[in-house]
Protein backbone atom coordinates (compact mmCIF):
# COMPACT_ATOMS: atom_id res chain seq x y z
CA UNK A 1 172.52 -76.43 9.09
CA UNK A 2 170.94 -75.20 12.29
CA UNK A 3 169.80 -71.67 11.79
CA UNK A 4 171.79 -69.53 12.61
CA UNK A 5 170.95 -65.41 13.17
CA UNK A 6 173.27 -63.96 10.84
CA UNK A 7 172.54 -60.72 11.72
CA UNK A 8 173.75 -61.03 15.38
CA UNK A 9 176.73 -62.82 14.12
CA UNK A 10 177.52 -59.92 12.24
CA UNK A 11 177.08 -57.44 15.39
CA UNK A 12 179.51 -59.55 16.91
CA UNK A 13 181.94 -59.84 14.37
CA UNK A 14 182.10 -56.31 14.31
CA UNK A 15 183.75 -56.50 17.60
CA UNK A 16 186.16 -58.32 16.54
CA UNK A 17 187.66 -55.72 14.22
CA UNK A 18 190.32 -53.26 15.28
CA UNK A 19 193.78 -53.64 17.77
CA UNK A 20 192.62 -55.95 19.97
CA UNK A 21 194.35 -58.15 22.84
CA UNK A 22 192.70 -61.67 21.66
CA UNK A 23 194.05 -64.30 24.30
CA UNK A 24 190.36 -65.20 24.82
CA UNK A 25 191.16 -67.15 21.35
CA UNK A 26 194.59 -68.20 21.95
CA UNK A 27 195.48 -71.73 22.50
CA UNK A 28 197.57 -72.53 25.63
CA UNK A 29 200.74 -73.55 23.87
CA UNK A 30 200.67 -70.98 21.51
CA UNK A 31 203.89 -69.27 21.54
CA UNK A 32 203.25 -65.98 19.71
CA UNK A 33 205.00 -63.08 21.51
CA UNK A 34 201.94 -60.95 21.49
CA UNK A 35 198.31 -61.43 21.61
CA UNK A 36 197.64 -58.43 20.50
CA UNK A 37 196.59 -58.27 16.66
CA UNK A 38 194.88 -56.14 14.18
CA UNK A 39 191.78 -57.60 12.70
CA UNK A 40 191.23 -55.72 9.44
CA UNK A 41 188.22 -57.44 7.91
CA UNK A 42 185.76 -60.09 9.42
CA UNK A 43 182.42 -60.77 6.38
CA UNK A 44 180.12 -63.37 7.19
CA UNK A 45 177.90 -64.60 3.85
CA UNK A 46 175.60 -67.66 3.37
CA UNK A 47 174.76 -69.27 0.58
CA UNK A 48 171.98 -71.58 0.67
CA UNK A 49 174.23 -74.69 2.33
CA UNK A 50 176.64 -72.63 3.88
CA UNK A 51 177.72 -69.86 6.06
CA UNK A 52 181.43 -68.14 4.94
CA UNK A 53 183.13 -66.09 7.19
CA UNK A 54 186.31 -64.73 5.99
CA UNK A 55 189.11 -62.92 8.20
CA UNK A 56 191.70 -60.93 7.34
CA UNK A 57 194.54 -59.98 9.49
CA UNK A 58 198.47 -59.11 9.60
CA UNK A 59 198.98 -62.19 11.62
CA UNK A 60 196.97 -65.06 13.51
CA UNK A 61 197.50 -66.92 16.76
CA UNK A 62 197.62 -70.32 17.05
CA UNK A 63 193.56 -71.96 16.95
CA UNK A 64 192.07 -67.88 16.64
CA UNK A 65 190.17 -68.02 13.72
CA UNK A 66 188.23 -71.75 14.56
CA UNK A 67 187.76 -70.15 18.07
CA UNK A 68 186.11 -66.88 17.05
CA UNK A 69 184.32 -69.30 14.72
CA UNK A 70 182.96 -71.13 17.95
CA UNK A 71 182.15 -68.30 19.68
CA UNK A 72 180.17 -66.64 16.60
CA UNK A 73 178.30 -70.01 16.66
CA UNK A 74 177.22 -69.77 20.03
CA UNK A 75 176.04 -66.51 19.07
CA UNK A 76 174.09 -67.11 16.43
CA UNK A 77 172.94 -70.46 17.55
CA UNK A 78 171.46 -67.74 20.63
CA UNK A 79 173.65 -69.14 23.65
CA UNK A 80 175.28 -66.66 24.15
CA UNK A 81 173.88 -62.24 23.81
CA UNK A 82 176.05 -60.11 22.19
CA UNK A 83 176.78 -58.83 25.94
CA UNK A 84 177.67 -62.31 26.69
CA UNK A 85 180.54 -62.52 23.34
CA UNK A 86 182.04 -59.27 24.67
CA UNK A 87 182.31 -60.08 28.27
CA UNK A 88 183.87 -63.27 27.02
CA UNK A 89 185.95 -61.46 24.33
CA UNK A 90 187.39 -58.77 27.21
CA UNK A 91 187.78 -61.77 29.49
CA UNK A 92 190.87 -62.85 27.86
CA UNK A 93 190.44 -65.78 29.75
CA UNK A 94 190.94 -68.98 27.05
CA UNK A 95 188.21 -70.85 29.98
CA UNK A 96 185.39 -69.16 28.76
CA UNK A 97 185.57 -69.43 24.98
CA UNK A 98 183.15 -71.44 23.32
CA UNK A 99 184.68 -75.01 22.11
CA UNK A 100 186.41 -74.05 18.60
CA UNK A 101 185.47 -75.35 15.26
CA UNK A 102 186.24 -77.79 13.66
CA UNK A 103 189.47 -77.38 11.24
CA UNK A 104 187.20 -79.16 8.18
CA UNK A 105 186.29 -76.43 5.81
CA UNK A 106 188.76 -73.91 7.07
CA UNK A 107 191.38 -72.68 4.45
CA UNK A 108 194.16 -69.90 4.37
CA UNK A 109 193.58 -68.49 0.94
CA UNK A 110 196.41 -66.22 0.41
CA UNK A 111 199.22 -64.41 1.74
CA UNK A 112 200.69 -61.21 1.36
CA UNK A 113 204.17 -60.28 1.68
């Protein structure tokens, strides 16, 4: 596992909380009526051999979580600054997004109706 700057990743993750237009993180084939979603929680924790990122929201866009993780990884690797992360997020342009994280290791842990 590469050394990631978790402190910087957590700062960036805080920018994802709230009611936001998540167009940057939306797959082009996504059929959701609106890219505006309300993220209630983003939590990043690490153990000695893995990093867990938890997202809580009423709903998600197609590939949103994988795309957000890819961008947070870029921040953690210091390929992006916090400012670059915010600029990409606010651009609403999918082509500026970091490559999405692979689907391996991605789990839906709970659905509440």
